[in-house]
Amino acid sequence: MTTTTLTAHNLSSLLRKVDPHIGRHSGYGAIQGVHLDYDGRYLHAAATDRFTFAIARHRTRSSDPAWQRTVRLVDLPSLTAWVDGRAGEHNVHISPYKQGLTFESEGNQLVLSMGTGLTFPDWRGLIRTALENPPTESPWTGFTSDLLTRWQAAGRQVTLWQSSYDKPLVVHGHDFIGLQMPTRIGDEEGPEARWDEWSDSLSEGGKVEQADTLHHDEPEELADKGYDASAATEDLLKQVLRSTSDLFKVASGDHFAMAAYALAGGRAWIAYRLLKALEKSDPDLLRSTLADVNEQLESGEIGEWAWEAAVAAGHDPQVWQDDYAAHLAKQAEKRAAKA
């Protein structure tokens, strides 16, 4: 049996990225849902309402035969709720059968039947055509603004290009690509007409270079400010090197200090490796996690955060505290007896 495996977080991310583009109000049933397409390496999620087209993908842990199924609009709330109800790190195993899909994770199962007789559009051919057209430097074009907001779900950083005024806008992000058709522009319209329209307000005067007023960098309130993965991993590597160096230079002869330096270096190395893995697998999740961690550190209440996390995980942090206090008391007694 073919089984495609990815984490619950990654499946949720695929569905979330394409959700704004679903043909909810279309009369064509084939696009009223999310099309799942597995090619033996990537699981793709595709959606369109014929105005925009979005494809998100994730590299899976499987190498089984390819399959395609479209999750109907009526079944999407059930699938979304089921996936969001799983722990993000838990694996979800997707198994296609003749008329549907089975989703299984940690003993929980969801079975969805699929519609028949309708074929989802050829998204591969559509994207190939769009990418074969080289971008123009500055096309005179127009877009519907409320459709542009859909691309927020694609991730924080995207690149855009368009081959000509009447060709689709290509939107590219991490493991994401999409298309948006421009609005129709009349032959009589053009940049010159815009100047005539605004001439009364602009009046006479000189011109200002755009570079002097408009900036390529993002506003300060949107800047990463501590959320940058490269800065975080650099700090962790520094901590590892300092700890391992001080382990012998500073703490030599002091067994307690040596243990503290070794523990700090080891934990920093674990954090570094996990950050690098997350940066490769899901940059958006990494950034949002670093943002949350930064806020928690700035609050000065990480002890409270750790206590709540321990309780949520089913542990008893008070027992940990009592055991640690008993350990410290025992160590103090040993030092006193030795003295």
C-alpha atoms as a PDB file:
ATOM      1  CA  MET A   1       0.000   0.000   0.000  1.00  0.00           C
ATOM      2  CA  THR A   2       1.261   3.468  -0.895  1.00  0.00           C
ATOM      3  CA  THR A   3       1.824   5.644   2.169  1.00  0.00           C
ATOM      4  CA  THR A   4       3.074   9.221   2.045  1.00  0.00           C
ATOM      5  CA  THR A   5       4.461  10.547   5.329  1.00  0.00           C
ATOM      6  CA  LEU A   6       5.062  14.079   6.631  1.00  0.00           C
ATOM      7  CA  THR A   7       4.550  15.844   9.954  1.00  0.00           C
ATOM      8  CA  ALA A   8       1.225  17.310  11.011  1.00  0.00           C
ATOM      9  CA  HIS A   9       2.792  20.785  11.025  1.00  0.00           C
ATOM     10  CA  ASN A  10       3.988  20.447   7.444  1.00  0.00           C
ATOM     11  CA  LEU A  11       0.628  19.161   6.209  1.00  0.00           C
ATOM     12  CA  SER A  12      -1.130  22.016   8.020  1.00  0.00           C
ATOM     13  CA  SER A  13       1.309  24.482   6.414  1.00  0.00           C
ATOM     14  CA  LEU A  14       0.548  23.148   2.919  1.00  0.00           C
ATOM     15  CA  LEU A  15      -3.195  23.537   3.425  1.00  0.00           C
ATOM     16  CA  ARG A  16      -2.833  27.005   4.963  1.00  0.00           C
ATOM     17  CA  LYS A  17      -0.708  28.381   2.108  1.00  0.00           C
ATOM     18  CA  VAL A  18      -3.160  27.463  -0.641  1.00  0.00           C
ATOM     19  CA  ASP A  19      -6.413  27.991   1.265  1.00  0.00           C
ATOM     20  CA  PRO A  20      -6.961  31.624   0.074  1.00  0.00           C
ATOM     21  CA  HIS A  21      -6.952  30.450  -3.552  1.00  0.00           C
ATOM     22  CA  ILE A  22      -9.643  27.738  -3.348  1.00  0.00           C
ATOM     23  CA  GLY A  23     -12.478  28.121  -5.861  1.00  0.00           C
ATOM     24  CA  ARG A  24     -15.125  28.377  -3.165  1.00  0.00           C
ATOM     25  CA  HIS A  25     -17.586  30.301  -5.312  1.00  0.00           C
ATOM     26  CA  SER A  26     -16.817  28.637  -8.608  1.00  0.00           C
ATOM     27  CA  GLY A  27     -19.438  26.579 -10.362  1.00  0.00           C
ATOM     28  CA  TYR A  28     -16.752  24.123 -11.483  1.00  0.00           C
ATOM     29  CA  GLY A  29     -16.526  21.326  -8.924  1.00  0.00           C
ATOM     30  CA  ALA A  30     -12.968  20.278  -9.826  1.00  0.00           C
ATOM     31  CA  ILE A  31     -11.518  23.443  -8.282  1.00  0.00           C
ATOM     32  CA  GLN A  32     -13.776  23.543  -5.235  1.00  0.00           C
ATOM     33  CA  GLY A  33     -11.196  22.047  -2.924  1.00  0.00           C
ATOM     34  CA  VAL A  34      -7.484  21.364  -2.478  1.00  0.00           C
ATOM     35  CA  HIS A  35      -5.715  19.095  -4.931  1.00  0.00           C
ATOM     36  CA  LEU A  36      -3.069  16.857  -3.292  1.00  0.00           C
ATOM     37  CA  ASP A  37      -0.450  15.609  -5.754  1.00  0.00           C
ATOM     38  CA  TYR A  38       2.387  13.267  -4.739  1.00  0.00           C
ATOM     39  CA  ASP A  39       5.138  12.666  -7.308  1.00  0.00           C
ATOM     40  CA  GLY A  40       7.353  10.245  -5.399  1.00  0.00           C
ATOM     41  CA  ARG A  41       9.379  13.011  -3.732  1.00  0.00           C
ATOM     42  CA  TYR A  42       7.174  15.997  -2.941  1.00  0.00           C
ATOM     43  CA  LEU A  43       3.636  16.238  -1.703  1.00  0.00           C
ATOM     44  CA  HIS A  44       2.071  19.216  -3.481  1.00  0.00           C
ATOM     45  CA  ALA A  45      -1.073  21.082  -2.483  1.00  0.00           C
ATOM     46  CA  ALA A  46      -2.707  23.093  -5.273  1.00  0.00           C
ATOM     47  CA  ALA A  47      -5.726  25.389  -5.342  1.00  0.00           C
ATOM     48  CA  THR A  48      -7.247  27.874  -7.768  1.00  0.00           C
ATOM     49  CA  ASP A  49     -10.365  29.917  -8.383  1.00  0.00           C
ATOM     50  CA  ARG A  50      -9.176  30.776 -11.940  1.00  0.00           C
ATOM     51  CA  PHE A  51      -8.065  34.244 -10.814  1.00  0.00           C
ATOM     52  CA  THR A  52      -5.088  33.017  -8.803  1.00  0.00           C
ATOM     53  CA  PHE A  53      -3.323  29.676  -8.697  1.00  0.00           C
ATOM     54  CA  ALA A  54      -1.156  28.480  -5.788  1.00  0.00           C
ATOM     55  CA  ILE A  55       1.050  25.417  -5.329  1.00  0.00           C
ATOM     56  CA  ALA A  56       2.870  24.601  -2.097  1.00  0.00           C
ATOM     57  CA  ARG A  57       5.092  21.567  -1.664  1.00  0.00           C
ATOM     58  CA  HIS A  58       6.976  19.594   0.997  1.00  0.00           C
ATOM     59  CA  ARG A  59       9.707  16.979   0.584  1.00  0.00           C
ATOM     60  CA  THR A  60       8.364  13.815   2.177  1.00  0.00           C
ATOM     61  CA  ARG A  61      10.039  10.853   3.812  1.00  0.00           C
ATOM     62  CA  SER A  62       8.472   8.483   1.309  1.00  0.00           C
ATOM     63  CA  SER A  63       9.418   7.237  -2.140  1.00  0.00           C
ATOM     64  CA  ASP A  64       6.218   5.415  -3.090  1.00  0.00           C
ATOM     65  CA  PRO A  65       4.343   5.535  -6.410  1.00  0.00           C
ATOM     66  CA  ALA A  66       2.739   8.835  -7.413  1.00  0.00           C
ATOM     67  CA  TRP A  67      -0.902   9.579  -6.687  1.00  0.00           C
ATOM     68  CA  GLN A  68      -3.381  12.459  -6.975  1.00  0.00           C
ATOM     69  CA  ARG A  69      -6.616  13.197  -5.132  1.00  0.00           C
ATOM     70  CA  THR A  70      -8.711  16.345  -4.661  1.00  0.00           C
ATOM     71  CA  VAL A  71     -10.073  17.003  -1.173  1.00  0.00           C
ATOM     72  CA  ARG A  72     -13.534  18.460  -1.657  1.00  0.00           C
ATOM     73  CA  LEU A  73     -14.478  21.831  -0.203  1.00  0.00           C
ATOM     74  CA  VAL A  74     -17.112  20.191   1.993  1.00  0.00           C
ATOM     75  CA  ASP A  75     -14.446  17.930   3.567  1.00  0.00           C
ATOM     76  CA  LEU A  76     -11.751  20.564   4.106  1.00  0.00           C
ATOM     77  CA  PRO A  77     -13.003  21.742   7.543  1.00  0.00           C
ATOM     78  CA  SER A  78     -12.870  18.151   8.809  1.00  0.00           C
ATOM     79  CA  LEU A  79      -9.358  17.629   7.447  1.00  0.00           C
ATOM     80  CA  THR A  80      -8.084  20.970   8.780  1.00  0.00           C
ATOM     81  CA  ALA A  81      -9.545  20.332  12.242  1.00  0.00           C
ATOM     82  CA  TRP A  82      -8.133  16.806  12.312  1.00  0.00           C
ATOM     83  CA  VAL A  83      -4.622  17.926  11.302  1.00  0.00           C
ATOM     84  CA  ASP A  84      -4.605  20.872  13.717  1.00  0.00           C
ATOM     85  CA  GLY A  85      -5.678  18.488  16.485  1.00  0.00           C
ATOM     86  CA  ARG A  86      -2.449  16.503  16.122  1.00  0.00           C
ATOM     87  CA  ALA A  87       0.825  17.478  17.761  1.00  0.00           C
ATOM     88  CA  GLY A  88       2.869  19.298  15.124  1.00  0.00           C
ATOM     89  CA  GLU A  89       5.853  16.956  15.332  1.00  0.00           C
ATOM     90  CA  HIS A  90       3.780  13.786  14.957  1.00  0.00           C
ATOM     91  CA  ASN A  91       3.870  12.012  11.602  1.00  0.00           C
ATOM     92  CA  VAL A  92       0.800  11.875   9.395  1.00  0.00           C
ATOM     93  CA  HIS A  93       0.587   8.893   7.031  1.00  0.00           C
ATOM     94  CA  ILE A  94      -1.546   9.496   3.927  1.00  0.00           C
ATOM     95  CA  SER A  95      -2.746   6.427   2.033  1.00  0.00           C
ATOM     96  CA  PRO A  96      -4.732   6.748  -1.193  1.00  0.00           C
ATOM     97  CA  TYR A  97      -7.393   4.215  -2.034  1.00  0.00           C
ATOM     98  CA  LYS A  98      -9.578   3.946  -5.127  1.00  0.00           C
ATOM     99  CA  GLN A  99     -12.035   6.708  -4.265  1.00  0.00           C
ATOM    100  CA  GLY A 100     -10.346   8.646  -1.481  1.00  0.00           C
ATOM    101  CA  LEU A 101      -7.611   9.170   1.099  1.00  0.00           C
ATOM    102  CA  THR A 102      -6.911   7.827   4.563  1.00  0.00           C
ATOM    103  CA  PHE A 103      -5.024  10.031   7.049  1.00  0.00           C
ATOM    104  CA  GLU A 104      -3.520   8.287  10.094  1.00  0.00           C
ATOM    105  CA  SER A 105      -1.475   9.610  13.028  1.00  0.00           C
ATOM    106  CA  GLU A 106      -0.753   8.167  16.461  1.00  0.00           C
ATOM    107  CA  GLY A 107      -3.719   5.783  16.304  1.00  0.00           C
ATOM    108  CA  ASN A 108      -6.153   8.445  15.033  1.00  0.00           C
ATOM    109  CA  GLN A 109      -7.613   8.032  11.557  1.00  0.00           C
ATOM    110  CA  LEU A 110      -9.616  10.143   9.123  1.00  0.00           C
ATOM    111  CA  VAL A 111     -11.077   8.696   5.920  1.00  0.00           C
ATOM    112  CA  LEU A 112     -12.259  11.026   3.157  1.00  0.00           C
ATOM    113  CA  SER A 113     -13.993  10.047  -0.065  1.00  0.00           C
ATOM    114  CA  MET A 114     -13.249  12.027  -3.227  1.00  0.00           C
ATOM    115  CA  GLY A 115     -15.491  13.243  -6.017  1.00  0.00           C
ATOM    116  CA  THR A 116     -15.379  11.447  -9.349  1.00  0.00           C
ATOM    117  CA  GLY A 117     -15.657  12.533 -12.973  1.00  0.00           C
ATOM    118  CA  LEU A 118     -13.886  15.885 -12.513  1.00  0.00           C
ATOM    119  CA  THR A 119     -10.245  16.595 -13.313  1.00  0.00           C
ATOM    120  CA  PHE A 120      -8.180  19.256 -11.584  1.00  0.00           C
ATOM    121  CA  PRO A 121      -6.415  21.634 -14.034  1.00  0.00           C
ATOM    122  CA  ASP A 122      -2.939  20.747 -15.292  1.00  0.00           C
ATOM    123  CA  TRP A 123      -0.997  22.913 -12.852  1.00  0.00           C
ATOM    124  CA  ARG A 124       2.400  21.630 -14.019  1.00  0.00           C
ATOM    125  CA  GLY A 125       1.788  22.700 -17.613  1.00  0.00           C
ATOM    126  CA  LEU A 126       0.483  26.055 -16.438  1.00  0.00           C
ATOM    127  CA  ILE A 127       3.569  26.778 -14.298  1.00  0.00           C
ATOM    128  CA  ARG A 128       5.944  25.541 -17.014  1.00  0.00           C
ATOM    129  CA  THR A 129       4.394  27.959 -19.495  1.00  0.00           C
ATOM    130  CA  ALA A 130       4.639  30.875 -17.055  1.00  0.00           C
ATOM    131  CA  LEU A 131       8.291  30.180 -16.212  1.00  0.00           C
ATOM    132  CA  GLU A 132       9.354  29.811 -19.835  1.00  0.00           C
ATOM    133  CA  ASN A 133       8.402  33.434 -20.528  1.00  0.00           C
ATOM    134  CA  PRO A 134      11.284  35.749 -19.486  1.00  0.00           C
ATOM    135  CA  PRO A 135      10.288  38.694 -17.278  1.00  0.00           C
ATOM    136  CA  THR A 136      10.117  42.203 -18.680  1.00  0.00           C
ATOM    137  CA  GLU A 137      11.852  45.012 -16.837  1.00  0.00           C
ATOM    138  CA  SER A 138       8.800  47.147 -16.161  1.00  0.00           C
ATOM    139  CA  PRO A 139       5.457  46.018 -17.615  1.00  0.00           C
ATOM    140  CA  TRP A 140       2.511  48.432 -17.656  1.00  0.00           C
ATOM    141  CA  THR A 141      -0.004  46.264 -15.862  1.00  0.00           C
ATOM    142  CA  GLY A 142      -2.768  46.193 -13.251  1.00  0.00           C
ATOM    143  CA  PHE A 143      -3.995  43.891 -10.489  1.00  0.00           C
ATOM    144  CA  THR A 144      -7.017  43.487  -8.251  1.00  0.00           C
ATOM    145  CA  SER A 145      -5.800  44.539  -4.812  1.00  0.00           C
ATOM    146  CA  ASP A 146      -7.912  42.157  -2.722  1.00  0.00           C
ATOM    147  CA  LEU A 147      -6.430  39.235  -4.661  1.00  0.00           C
ATOM    148  CA  LEU A 148      -2.923  40.457  -3.848  1.00  0.00           C
ATOM    149  CA  THR A 149      -3.582  39.953  -0.130  1.00  0.00           C
ATOM    150  CA  ARG A 150      -3.884  36.219  -0.715  1.00  0.00           C
ATOM    151  CA  TRP A 151      -0.121  35.920  -1.094  1.00  0.00           C
ATOM    152  CA  GLN A 152       0.470  36.752   2.571  1.00  0.00           C
ATOM    153  CA  ALA A 153      -0.094  33.064   3.289  1.00  0.00           C
ATOM    154  CA  ALA A 154       2.798  32.140   0.979  1.00  0.00           C
ATOM    155  CA  GLY A 155       5.407  33.239   3.516  1.00  0.00           C
ATOM    156  CA  ARG A 156       7.103  36.413   4.630  1.00  0.00           C
ATOM    157  CA  GLN A 157       9.524  36.760   1.700  1.00  0.00           C
ATOM    158  CA  VAL A 158       8.340  36.334  -1.892  1.00  0.00           C
ATOM    159  CA  THR A 159       9.668  37.405  -5.283  1.00  0.00           C
ATOM    160  CA  LEU A 160       7.433  38.586  -8.126  1.00  0.00           C
ATOM    161  CA  TRP A 161       7.840  38.907 -11.869  1.00  0.00           C
ATOM    162  CA  GLN A 162       5.735  39.213 -15.005  1.00  0.00           C
ATOM    163  CA  SER A 163       6.640  38.495 -18.617  1.00  0.00           C
ATOM    164  CA  SER A 164       4.253  41.093 -20.097  1.00  0.00           C
ATOM    165  CA  TYR A 165       1.246  43.184 -19.153  1.00  0.00           C
ATOM    166  CA  ASP A 166      -1.256  40.498 -20.151  1.00  0.00           C
ATOM    167  CA  LYS A 167       0.613  37.489 -18.704  1.00  0.00           C
ATOM    168  CA  PRO A 168       0.228  36.183 -15.130  1.00  0.00           C
ATOM    169  CA  LEU A 169       2.234  37.558 -12.238  1.00  0.00           C
ATOM    170  CA  VAL A 170       4.515  34.800 -10.911  1.00  0.00           C
ATOM    171  CA  VAL A 171       4.799  34.663  -7.109  1.00  0.00           C
ATOM    172  CA  HIS A 172       7.674  32.595  -5.721  1.00  0.00           C
ATOM    173  CA  GLY A 173       8.502  31.711  -2.124  1.00  0.00           C
ATOM    174  CA  HIS A 174      10.072  28.861  -0.165  1.00  0.00           C
ATOM    175  CA  ASP A 175       8.593  25.649  -1.624  1.00  0.00           C
ATOM    176  CA  PHE A 176       5.798  27.755  -3.063  1.00  0.00           C
ATOM    177  CA  ILE A 177       4.849  29.122  -6.470  1.00  0.00           C
ATOM    178  CA  GLY A 178       1.704  30.850  -7.668  1.00  0.00           C
ATOM    179  CA  LEU A 179       0.134  32.856 -10.462  1.00  0.00           C
ATOM    180  CA  GLN A 180      -2.227  35.825 -10.563  1.00  0.00           C
ATOM    181  CA  MET A 181      -3.808  37.095 -13.749  1.00  0.00           C
ATOM    182  CA  PRO A 182      -3.664  40.874 -14.291  1.00  0.00           C
ATOM    183  CA  THR A 183      -6.737  43.004 -14.887  1.00  0.00           C
ATOM    184  CA  ARG A 184      -7.540  44.071 -18.422  1.00  0.00           C
ATOM    185  CA  ILE A 185      -6.108  47.471 -19.365  1.00  0.00           C
ATOM    186  CA  GLY A 186      -7.649  49.497 -22.142  1.00  0.00           C
ATOM    187  CA  ASP A 187      -5.531  50.559 -25.134  1.00  0.00           C
ATOM    188  CA  GLU A 188      -6.160  54.197 -24.293  1.00  0.00           C
ATOM    189  CA  GLU A 189      -4.616  53.850 -20.823  1.00  0.00           C
ATOM    190  CA  GLY A 190      -0.942  54.382 -20.079  1.00  0.00           C
ATOM    191  CA  PRO A 191       1.528  56.163 -17.765  1.00  0.00           C
ATOM    192  CA  GLU A 192       0.985  59.405 -19.683  1.00  0.00           C
ATOM    193  CA  ALA A 193      -2.713  59.389 -18.824  1.00  0.00           C
ATOM    194  CA  ARG A 194      -1.842  59.070 -15.140  1.00  0.00           C
ATOM    195  CA  TRP A 195       0.322  62.174 -15.363  1.00  0.00           C
ATOM    196  CA  ASP A 196      -2.513  64.144 -16.911  1.00  0.00           C
ATOM    197  CA  GLU A 197      -4.876  62.894 -14.210  1.00  0.00           C
ATOM    198  CA  TRP A 198      -2.572  64.047 -11.370  1.00  0.00           C
ATOM    199  CA  SER A 199      -1.051  67.171 -12.923  1.00  0.00           C
ATOM    200  CA  ASP A 200      -3.306  69.527 -10.938  1.00  0.00           C
ATOM    201  CA  SER A 201      -2.072  68.122  -7.636  1.00  0.00           C
ATOM    202  CA  LEU A 202       1.573  67.818  -8.628  1.00  0.00           C
ATOM    203  CA  SER A 203       1.840  71.354 -10.082  1.00  0.00           C
ATOM    204  CA  GLU A 204       5.264  72.711 -11.053  1.00  0.00           C
ATOM    205  CA  GLY A 205       8.530  71.875  -9.373  1.00  0.00           C
ATOM    206  CA  GLY A 206      11.587  69.694  -9.418  1.00  0.00           C
ATOM    207  CA  LYS A 207      11.878  65.936  -9.189  1.00  0.00           C
ATOM    208  CA  VAL A 208      13.195  63.858  -6.294  1.00  0.00           C
ATOM    209  CA  GLU A 209      15.188  60.691  -6.796  1.00  0.00           C
ATOM    210  CA  GLN A 210      13.252  57.733  -5.493  1.00  0.00           C
ATOM    211  CA  ALA A 211      16.313  56.355  -3.724  1.00  0.00           C
ATOM    212  CA  ASP A 212      16.422  59.486  -1.540  1.00  0.00           C
ATOM    213  CA  THR A 213      12.903  58.963  -0.220  1.00  0.00           C
ATOM    214  CA  LEU A 214      11.915  55.320  -0.732  1.00  0.00           C
ATOM    215  CA  HIS A 215      13.948  52.501   0.765  1.00  0.00           C
ATOM    216  CA  HIS A 216      14.587  48.923  -0.276  1.00  0.00           C
ATOM    217  CA  ASP A 217      14.830  47.807   3.354  1.00  0.00           C
ATOM    218  CA  GLU A 218      11.688  46.962   5.275  1.00  0.00           C
ATOM    219  CA  PRO A 219      10.278  49.248   8.017  1.00  0.00           C
ATOM    220  CA  GLU A 220      11.916  48.932  11.426  1.00  0.00           C
ATOM    221  CA  GLU A 221       8.736  47.578  13.004  1.00  0.00           C
ATOM    222  CA  LEU A 222       8.778  44.725  10.469  1.00  0.00           C
ATOM    223  CA  ALA A 223      12.497  44.029  10.646  1.00  0.00           C
ATOM    224  CA  ASP A 224      13.669  40.747  12.079  1.00  0.00           C
ATOM    225  CA  LYS A 225      15.428  42.339  15.094  1.00  0.00           C
ATOM    226  CA  GLY A 226      16.735  39.214  16.758  1.00  0.00           C
ATOM    227  CA  TYR A 227      14.635  36.777  14.747  1.00  0.00           C
ATOM    228  CA  ASP A 228      17.324  36.249  12.108  1.00  0.00           C
ATOM    229  CA  ALA A 229      18.340  32.592  11.960  1.00  0.00           C
ATOM    230  CA  SER A 230      21.914  33.348  10.876  1.00  0.00           C
ATOM    231  CA  ALA A 231      22.461  35.594  13.909  1.00  0.00           C
ATOM    232  CA  ALA A 232      20.917  33.024  16.242  1.00  0.00           C
ATOM    233  CA  THR A 233      23.036  30.172  14.932  1.00  0.00           C
ATOM    234  CA  GLU A 234      26.165  32.353  15.038  1.00  0.00           C
ATOM    235  CA  ASP A 235      25.525  33.132  18.723  1.00  0.00           C
ATOM    236  CA  LEU A 236      25.044  29.448  19.482  1.00  0.00           C
ATOM    237  CA  LEU A 237      28.320  28.506  17.789  1.00  0.00           C
ATOM    238  CA  LYS A 238      30.106  31.211  19.792  1.00  0.00           C
ATOM    239  CA  GLN A 239      28.596  29.767  22.973  1.00  0.00           C
ATOM    240  CA  VAL A 240      29.770  26.255  22.086  1.00  0.00           C
ATOM    241  CA  LEU A 241      33.334  27.410  21.394  1.00  0.00           C
ATOM    242  CA  ARG A 242      33.511  29.595  24.499  1.00  0.00           C
ATOM    243  CA  SER A 243      32.149  26.859  26.740  1.00  0.00           C
ATOM    244  CA  THR A 244      34.489  24.186  25.432  1.00  0.00           C
ATOM    245  CA  SER A 245      37.452  26.566  25.692  1.00  0.00           C
ATOM    246  CA  ASP A 246      36.588  27.801  29.197  1.00  0.00           C
ATOM    247  CA  LEU A 247      35.961  24.221  30.257  1.00  0.00           C
ATOM    248  CA  PHE A 248      39.741  23.749  30.562  1.00  0.00           C
ATOM    249  CA  LYS A 249      41.030  27.317  30.871  1.00  0.00           C
ATOM    250  CA  VAL A 250      38.673  28.796  33.465  1.00  0.00           C
ATOM    251  CA  ALA A 251      37.061  25.848  35.167  1.00  0.00           C
ATOM    252  CA  SER A 252      40.046  23.521  35.334  1.00  0.00           C
ATOM    253  CA  GLY A 253      40.172  21.821  38.742  1.00  0.00           C
ATOM    254  CA  ASP A 254      36.638  22.864  39.706  1.00  0.00           C
ATOM    255  CA  HIS A 255      34.446  19.879  38.954  1.00  0.00           C
ATOM    256  CA  PHE A 256      31.193  21.823  39.405  1.00  0.00           C
ATOM    257  CA  ALA A 257      32.311  24.623  37.089  1.00  0.00           C
ATOM    258  CA  MET A 258      33.559  22.120  34.503  1.00  0.00           C
ATOM    259  CA  ALA A 259      30.209  20.348  34.557  1.00  0.00           C
ATOM    260  CA  ALA A 260      28.389  23.667  34.106  1.00  0.00           C
ATOM    261  CA  TYR A 261      30.536  24.681  31.125  1.00  0.00           C
ATOM    262  CA  ALA A 262      30.212  21.230  29.536  1.00  0.00           C
ATOM    263  CA  LEU A 263      26.415  21.323  29.974  1.00  0.00           C
ATOM    264  CA  ALA A 264      26.157  24.846  28.499  1.00  0.00           C
ATOM    265  CA  GLY A 265      28.291  23.906  25.484  1.00  0.00           C
ATOM    266  CA  GLY A 266      26.420  20.675  24.871  1.00  0.00           C
ATOM    267  CA  ARG A 267      23.003  22.329  25.065  1.00  0.00           C
ATOM    268  CA  ALA A 268      24.140  25.140  22.750  1.00  0.00           C
ATOM    269  CA  TRP A 269      25.350  22.553  20.214  1.00  0.00           C
ATOM    270  CA  ILE A 270      22.009  20.720  20.344  1.00  0.00           C
ATOM    271  CA  ALA A 271      20.146  24.012  19.832  1.00  0.00           C
ATOM    272  CA  TYR A 272      22.409  24.908  16.900  1.00  0.00           C
ATOM    273  CA  ARG A 273      21.804  21.596  15.129  1.00  0.00           C
ATOM    274  CA  LEU A 274      18.047  21.822  15.661  1.00  0.00           C
ATOM    275  CA  LEU A 275      17.913  25.401  14.355  1.00  0.00           C
ATOM    276  CA  LYS A 276      19.858  24.438  11.219  1.00  0.00           C
ATOM    277  CA  ALA A 277      17.520  21.505  10.600  1.00  0.00           C
ATOM    278  CA  LEU A 278      14.435  23.693  11.058  1.00  0.00           C
ATOM    279  CA  GLU A 279      15.918  26.410   8.845  1.00  0.00           C
ATOM    280  CA  LYS A 280      16.257  23.873   6.052  1.00  0.00           C
ATOM    281  CA  SER A 281      12.869  22.190   6.495  1.00  0.00           C
ATOM    282  CA  ASP A 282      10.599  25.143   7.340  1.00  0.00           C
ATOM    283  CA  PRO A 283      12.090  28.685   7.388  1.00  0.00           C
ATOM    284  CA  ASP A 284       8.729  30.311   8.144  1.00  0.00           C
ATOM    285  CA  LEU A 285       8.206  28.153  11.236  1.00  0.00           C
ATOM    286  CA  LEU A 286      11.783  28.902  12.329  1.00  0.00           C
ATOM    287  CA  ARG A 287      11.238  32.646  12.079  1.00  0.00           C
ATOM    288  CA  SER A 288       7.936  32.608  13.963  1.00  0.00           C
ATOM    289  CA  THR A 289       9.464  30.388  16.662  1.00  0.00           C
ATOM    290  CA  LEU A 290      12.467  32.687  17.088  1.00  0.00           C
ATOM    291  CA  ALA A 291      10.100  35.659  17.316  1.00  0.00           C
ATOM    292  CA  ASP A 292       8.119  33.940  20.092  1.00  0.00           C
ATOM    293  CA  VAL A 293      11.280  32.946  21.953  1.00  0.00           C
ATOM    294  CA  ASN A 294      12.663  36.477  21.697  1.00  0.00           C
ATOM    295  CA  GLU A 295       9.474  37.929  23.209  1.00  0.00           C
ATOM    296  CA  GLN A 296       9.551  35.369  26.015  1.00  0.00           C
ATOM    297  CA  LEU A 297      13.198  36.139  26.813  1.00  0.00           C
ATOM    298  CA  GLU A 298      12.500  39.877  26.840  1.00  0.00           C
ATOM    299  CA  SER A 299       9.590  39.345  29.242  1.00  0.00           C
ATOM    300  CA  GLY A 300      11.986  37.962  31.873  1.00  0.00           C
ATOM    301  CA  GLU A 301       9.496  35.238  32.711  1.00  0.00           C
ATOM    302  CA  ILE A 302      11.037  32.187  31.074  1.00  0.00           C
ATOM    303  CA  GLY A 303      10.788  30.344  34.396  1.00  0.00           C
ATOM    304  CA  GLU A 304       7.005  30.695  34.236  1.00  0.00           C
ATOM    305  CA  TRP A 305       6.996  29.695  30.559  1.00  0.00           C
ATOM    306  CA  ALA A 306       9.077  26.578  31.361  1.00  0.00           C
ATOM    307  CA  TRP A 307       6.795  25.650  34.278  1.00  0.00           C
ATOM    308  CA  GLU A 308       3.672  25.910  32.099  1.00  0.00           C
ATOM    309  CA  ALA A 309       5.348  23.931  29.298  1.00  0.00           C
ATOM    310  CA  ALA A 310       6.291  21.153  31.750  1.00  0.00           C
ATOM    311  CA  VAL A 311       2.718  20.939  33.070  1.00  0.00           C
ATOM    312  CA  ALA A 312       1.314  20.935  29.520  1.00  0.00           C
ATOM    313  CA  ALA A 313       3.628  18.035  28.650  1.00  0.00           C
ATOM    314  CA  GLY A 314       2.289  15.994  31.590  1.00  0.00           C
ATOM    315  CA  HIS A 315       5.249  16.464  33.950  1.00  0.00           C
ATOM    316  CA  ASP A 316       5.284  17.604  37.570  1.00  0.00           C
ATOM    317  CA  PRO A 317       7.762  20.508  37.731  1.00  0.00           C
ATOM    318  CA  GLN A 318       7.413  20.700  41.532  1.00  0.00           C
ATOM    319  CA  VAL A 319       8.902  17.219  41.808  1.00  0.00           C
ATOM    320  CA  TRP A 320      11.801  18.382  39.636  1.00  0.00           C
ATOM    321  CA  GLN A 321      12.348  21.385  41.904  1.00  0.00           C
ATOM    322  CA  ASP A 322      12.221  19.256  45.053  1.00  0.00           C
ATOM    323  CA  ASP A 323      14.661  16.725  43.621  1.00  0.00           C
ATOM    324  CA  TYR A 324      17.041  19.493  42.591  1.00  0.00           C
ATOM    325  CA  ALA A 325      16.833  21.115  46.037  1.00  0.00           C
ATOM    326  CA  ALA A 326      17.608  17.752  47.668  1.00  0.00           C
ATOM    327  CA  HIS A 327      20.557  17.307  45.283  1.00  0.00           C
ATOM    328  CA  LEU A 328      21.968  20.723  46.207  1.00  0.00           C
ATOM    329  CA  ALA A 329      21.555  19.999  49.915  1.00  0.00           C
ATOM    330  CA  LYS A 330      23.373  16.683  49.542  1.00  0.00           C
ATOM    331  CA  GLN A 331      26.237  18.335  47.668  1.00  0.00           C
ATOM    332  CA  ALA A 332      26.499  20.989  50.387  1.00  0.00           C
ATOM    333  CA  GLU A 333      26.713  18.300  53.046  1.00  0.00           C
ATOM    334  CA  LYS A 334      29.531  16.561  51.146  1.00  0.00           C
ATOM    335  CA  ARG A 335      31.494  19.809  50.822  1.00  0.00           C
ATOM    336  CA  ALA A 336      31.003  20.551  54.530  1.00  0.00           C
ATOM    337  CA  ALA A 337      32.155  17.072  55.544  1.00  0.00           C
ATOM    338  CA  LYS A 338      35.198  17.323  53.273  1.00  0.00           C
ATOM    339  CA  ALA A 339      36.100  20.705  54.739  1.00  0.00           C
END
